[in-house]
C-alpha atoms as a PDB file:
ATOM      1  CA  MET A   1     -43.324  -8.419 -47.149  1.00  0.00           C
ATOM      2  CA  ASN A   2     -41.725  -4.854 -47.313  1.00  0.00           C
ATOM      3  CA  LYS A   3     -37.935  -5.116 -46.614  1.00  0.00           C
ATOM      4  CA  SER A   4     -38.021  -2.223 -44.155  1.00  0.00           C
ATOM      5  CA  ILE A   5     -40.460  -3.870 -41.954  1.00  0.00           C
ATOM      6  CA  GLU A   6     -39.541  -7.059 -39.717  1.00  0.00           C
ATOM      7  CA  LYS A   7     -42.029  -9.153 -37.826  1.00  0.00           C
ATOM      8  CA  THR A   8     -40.971  -9.918 -34.192  1.00  0.00           C
ATOM      9  CA  ASP A   9     -43.185 -11.804 -31.738  1.00  0.00           C
ATOM     10  CA  SER A  10     -46.298 -10.322 -33.222  1.00  0.00           C
ATOM     11  CA  LEU A  11     -44.981  -6.851 -32.928  1.00  0.00           C
ATOM     12  CA  THR A  12     -43.933  -4.878 -36.125  1.00  0.00           C
ATOM     13  CA  LYS A  13     -41.060  -2.637 -36.097  1.00  0.00           C
ATOM     14  CA  LYS A  14     -39.102  -0.594 -38.689  1.00  0.00           C
ATOM     15  CA  VAL A  15     -35.521  -1.700 -39.271  1.00  0.00           C
ATOM     16  CA  GLY A  16     -32.592   0.630 -39.878  1.00  0.00           C
ATOM     17  CA  ARG A  17     -33.657   3.571 -37.773  1.00  0.00           C
ATOM     18  CA  PRO A  18     -32.173   4.077 -34.392  1.00  0.00           C
ATOM     19  CA  ALA A  19     -34.683   4.335 -31.525  1.00  0.00           C
ATOM     20  CA  LYS A  20     -35.594   7.796 -30.528  1.00  0.00           C
ATOM     21  CA  LYS A  21     -34.083   8.845 -27.172  1.00  0.00           C
ATOM     22  CA  ALA A  22     -36.469   9.841 -24.429  1.00  0.00           C
ATOM     23  CA  LYS A  23     -36.599  13.673 -24.070  1.00  0.00           C
ATOM     24  CA  ILE A  24     -35.322  14.926 -20.765  1.00  0.00           C
ATOM     25  CA  PRO A  25     -36.861  18.277 -19.736  1.00  0.00           C
ATOM     26  CA  GLY A  26     -34.285  21.207 -19.798  1.00  0.00           C
ATOM     27  CA  GLN A  27     -31.755  19.329 -21.837  1.00  0.00           C
ATOM     28  CA  ASP A  28     -30.767  19.199 -25.571  1.00  0.00           C
ATOM     29  CA  GLU A  29     -32.901  16.520 -27.306  1.00  0.00           C
ATOM     30  CA  GLY A  30     -30.807  13.569 -28.401  1.00  0.00           C
ATOM     31  CA  TYR A  31     -27.870  13.920 -26.043  1.00  0.00           C
ATOM     32  CA  THR A  32     -27.246  11.742 -22.888  1.00  0.00           C
ATOM     33  CA  ALA A  33     -27.841  13.135 -19.432  1.00  0.00           C
ATOM     34  CA  PHE A  34     -23.953  12.717 -19.070  1.00  0.00           C
ATOM     35  CA  TYR A  35     -23.011  14.897 -22.207  1.00  0.00           C
ATOM     36  CA  ASN A  36     -25.670  17.601 -21.367  1.00  0.00           C
ATOM     37  CA  ARG A  37     -24.094  17.853 -17.693  1.00  0.00           C
ATOM     38  CA  TYR A  38     -20.611  17.795 -19.157  1.00  0.00           C
ATOM     39  CA  ILE A  39     -21.168  20.665 -21.436  1.00  0.00           C
ATOM     40  CA  GLU A  40     -23.056  22.577 -18.600  1.00  0.00           C
ATOM     41  CA  ALA A  41     -20.086  22.186 -16.231  1.00  0.00           C
ATOM     42  CA  CYS A  42     -17.631  23.072 -19.040  1.00  0.00           C
ATOM     43  CA  HIS A  43     -19.590  26.205 -19.940  1.00  0.00           C
ATOM     44  CA  ARG A  44     -19.757  27.235 -16.197  1.00  0.00           C
ATOM     45  CA  ARG A  45     -16.019  26.996 -15.943  1.00  0.00           C
ATOM     46  CA  ALA A  46     -15.611  28.871 -19.439  1.00  0.00           C
ATOM     47  CA  VAL A  47     -13.594  25.939 -20.974  1.00  0.00           C
ATOM     48  CA  ALA A  48     -14.102  24.049 -24.212  1.00  0.00           C
ATOM     49  CA  PRO A  49     -15.233  20.580 -23.780  1.00  0.00           C
ATOM     50  CA  SER A  50     -12.278  19.270 -26.042  1.00  0.00           C
ATOM     51  CA  ALA A  51      -9.787  21.155 -23.887  1.00  0.00           C
ATOM     52  CA  VAL A  52     -11.096  19.477 -20.862  1.00  0.00           C
ATOM     53  CA  ALA A  53     -10.562  16.039 -22.542  1.00  0.00           C
ATOM     54  CA  VAL A  54      -7.044  17.000 -23.495  1.00  0.00           C
ATOM     55  CA  ALA A  55      -6.242  18.439 -19.990  1.00  0.00           C
ATOM     56  CA  ILE A  56      -7.222  15.103 -18.327  1.00  0.00           C
ATOM     57  CA  GLY A  57      -5.155  12.900 -20.665  1.00  0.00           C
ATOM     58  CA  GLU A  58      -7.709  12.034 -23.458  1.00  0.00           C
ATOM     59  CA  ASN A  59      -7.455  13.074 -27.098  1.00  0.00           C
ATOM     60  CA  ASN A  60      -9.446  16.031 -28.304  1.00  0.00           C
ATOM     61  CA  ASN A  61     -11.952  13.648 -30.151  1.00  0.00           C
ATOM     62  CA  ALA A  62     -13.201  12.277 -26.795  1.00  0.00           C
ATOM     63  CA  ALA A  63     -15.676  14.924 -26.373  1.00  0.00           C
ATOM     64  CA  THR A  64     -17.086  14.275 -29.895  1.00  0.00           C
ATOM     65  CA  ARG A  65     -17.278  10.541 -28.886  1.00  0.00           C
ATOM     66  CA  TRP A  66     -19.207  11.446 -25.617  1.00  0.00           C
ATOM     67  CA  LYS A  67     -21.468  13.727 -27.629  1.00  0.00           C
ATOM     68  CA  ASN A  68     -22.280  10.843 -29.848  1.00  0.00           C
ATOM     69  CA  GLY A  69     -23.378   8.660 -26.910  1.00  0.00           C
ATOM     70  CA  THR A  70     -20.184   6.865 -25.854  1.00  0.00           C
ATOM     71  CA  MET A  71     -19.857   6.883 -22.067  1.00  0.00           C
ATOM     72  CA  PRO A  72     -16.510   7.549 -20.493  1.00  0.00           C
ATOM     73  CA  THR A  73     -14.881   4.834 -18.321  1.00  0.00           C
ATOM     74  CA  GLY A  74     -15.168   5.025 -14.394  1.00  0.00           C
ATOM     75  CA  ASP A  75     -11.390   6.528 -14.431  1.00  0.00           C
ATOM     76  CA  ILE A  76     -11.987   9.097 -16.955  1.00  0.00           C
ATOM     77  CA  LEU A  77     -15.354  10.104 -15.353  1.00  0.00           C
ATOM     78  CA  LEU A  78     -13.348  10.619 -11.930  1.00  0.00           C
ATOM     79  CA  LYS A  79     -10.891  12.718 -13.697  1.00  0.00           C
ATOM     80  CA  LEU A  80     -13.555  14.734 -15.356  1.00  0.00           C
ATOM     81  CA  SER A  81     -15.311  15.319 -12.081  1.00  0.00           C
ATOM     82  CA  GLU A  82     -12.238  16.379 -10.238  1.00  0.00           C
ATOM     83  CA  TYR A  83     -11.128  18.678 -13.061  1.00  0.00           C
ATOM     84  CA  LEU A  84     -14.662  20.252 -13.475  1.00  0.00           C
ATOM     85  CA  GLY A  85     -15.218  20.359  -9.648  1.00  0.00           C
ATOM     86  CA  VAL A  86     -18.621  18.487  -9.725  1.00  0.00           C
ATOM     87  CA  SER A  87     -19.350  14.865  -8.608  1.00  0.00           C
ATOM     88  CA  THR A  88     -19.394  11.688 -10.685  1.00  0.00           C
ATOM     89  CA  ASP A  89     -23.116  11.449  -9.613  1.00  0.00           C
ATOM     90  CA  TYR A  90     -23.871  14.984 -11.033  1.00  0.00           C
ATOM     91  CA  LEU A  91     -22.271  14.137 -14.250  1.00  0.00           C
ATOM     92  CA  LEU A  92     -24.122  10.743 -14.622  1.00  0.00           C
ATOM     93  CA  GLY A  93     -27.402  12.632 -14.126  1.00  0.00           C
ATOM     94  CA  ASN A  94     -28.032  11.034 -10.770  1.00  0.00           C
ATOM     95  CA  ASN A  95     -27.900  14.265  -8.748  1.00  0.00           C
ATOM     96  CA  ILE A  96     -29.409  17.648  -9.889  1.00  0.00           C
ATOM     97  CA  TYR A  97     -26.634  19.730  -7.673  1.00  0.00           C
ATOM     98  CA  ASP A  98     -23.012  19.910  -8.479  1.00  0.00           C
ATOM     99  CA  TYR A  99     -21.588  20.327  -5.069  1.00  0.00           C
ATOM    100  CA  THR A 100     -17.810  20.960  -4.660  1.00  0.00           C
ATOM    101  CA  PRO A 101     -16.112  18.672  -2.079  1.00  0.00           C
ATOM    102  CA  GLN A 102     -16.344  21.462   0.421  1.00  0.00           C
ATOM    103  CA  GLU A 103     -19.935  22.062  -0.063  1.00  0.00           C
ATOM    104  CA  ARG A 104     -20.535  18.346   0.222  1.00  0.00           C
ATOM    105  CA  GLU A 105     -18.642  18.229   3.408  1.00  0.00           C
ATOM    106  CA  ILE A 106     -20.549  21.114   4.965  1.00  0.00           C
ATOM    107  CA  LEU A 107     -23.841  19.508   3.856  1.00  0.00           C
ATOM    108  CA  ASP A 108     -22.826  16.103   5.353  1.00  0.00           C
ATOM    109  CA  ILE A 109     -21.919  17.848   8.691  1.00  0.00           C
ATOM    110  CA  PHE A 110     -25.231  19.824   8.685  1.00  0.00           C
ATOM    111  CA  ARG A 111     -27.176  16.689   8.270  1.00  0.00           C
ATOM    112  CA  VAL A 112     -25.751  14.999  11.324  1.00  0.00           C
ATOM    113  CA  ILE A 113     -25.607  17.774  13.910  1.00  0.00           C
ATOM    114  CA  PRO A 114     -28.471  18.689  16.333  1.00  0.00           C
ATOM    115  CA  ALA A 115     -30.893  21.293  15.488  1.00  0.00           C
ATOM    116  CA  SER A 116     -29.375  23.951  17.967  1.00  0.00           C
ATOM    117  CA  GLN A 117     -25.855  23.620  16.240  1.00  0.00           C
ATOM    118  CA  LYS A 118     -27.715  23.782  12.656  1.00  0.00           C
ATOM    119  CA  HIS A 119     -29.158  27.178  13.904  1.00  0.00           C
ATOM    120  CA  ALA A 120     -25.572  28.388  14.913  1.00  0.00           C
ATOM    121  CA  LEU A 121     -23.967  27.072  11.689  1.00  0.00           C
ATOM    122  CA  LEU A 122     -26.632  29.050   9.707  1.00  0.00           C
ATOM    123  CA  SER A 123     -26.044  32.091  11.863  1.00  0.00           C
ATOM    124  CA  VAL A 124     -22.310  32.096  11.138  1.00  0.00           C
ATOM    125  CA  ALA A 125     -22.746  31.360   7.413  1.00  0.00           C
ATOM    126  CA  ASN A 126     -25.173  34.291   7.182  1.00  0.00           C
ATOM    127  CA  LYS A 127     -22.649  36.665   8.733  1.00  0.00           C
ATOM    128  CA  LEU A 128     -19.900  35.456   6.593  1.00  0.00           C
ATOM    129  CA  LYS A 129     -22.153  36.153   3.577  1.00  0.00           C
ATOM    130  CA  GLU A 130     -23.109  39.732   4.998  1.00  0.00           C
ATOM    131  CA  GLU A 131     -19.756  40.767   6.071  1.00  0.00           C
ATOM    132  CA  GLY A 132     -17.429  39.267   3.474  1.00  0.00           C
ATOM    133  CA  ALA A 133     -13.650  39.619   4.086  1.00  0.00           C
ATOM    134  CA  CYS A 134     -13.005  39.342   7.859  1.00  0.00           C
ATOM    135  CA  LEU A 135     -15.209  38.042  10.560  1.00  0.00           C
ATOM    136  CA  ASN A 136     -14.949  37.644  14.345  1.00  0.00           C
ATOM    137  CA  VAL A 137     -17.918  35.432  15.360  1.00  0.00           C
ATOM    138  CA  SER A 138     -18.784  33.866  18.711  1.00  0.00           C
ATOM    139  CA  VAL A 139     -20.525  30.409  18.716  1.00  0.00           C
ATOM    140  CA  GLY A 140     -21.223  29.338  22.395  1.00  0.00           C
ATOM    141  CA  LYS A 141     -17.898  29.733  24.188  1.00  0.00           C
ATOM    142  CA  LYS A 142     -15.746  29.484  21.120  1.00  0.00           C
ATOM    143  CA  GLN A 143     -14.517  32.388  18.893  1.00  0.00           C
ATOM    144  CA  ILE A 144     -14.175  31.821  15.266  1.00  0.00           C
ATOM    145  CA  PHE A 145     -11.866  34.109  13.386  1.00  0.00           C
ATOM    146  CA  THR A 146     -11.718  33.963   9.593  1.00  0.00           C
ATOM    147  CA  GLU A 147      -9.994  35.809   6.741  1.00  0.00           C
ATOM    148  CA  ASN A 148     -10.282  35.735   3.114  1.00  0.00           C
END
């Protein structure tokens, strides 16, 4: 029998070659979802991956280990998410959006308020977007004053 072939439960497989990773659309072939998300978050914040690792207390080789498939521990993952302003779920590939804590809070509120209040919240948000720096908005009997 050829030395590079091994018989296992009536299935034949080649030995000595790593299994191919599944290609995920929109991501670099061969890297984990975590590493792709990590690189994307670093790029959006204009910071080098190794610099982020050092900033959270890891050595500068940590980013290379993650690139090669090593997953960070839960504590390190949490530090990365806080430093980069993304959720741990986003970094792990469990969530396609990278909400900041404030965005997450707004979304959580939006999901639980009645439809009439959703309309009012959207009106306020649209006025903030349109007018920018300073805004005086009435919602029901309440006055809302904001400043940048």
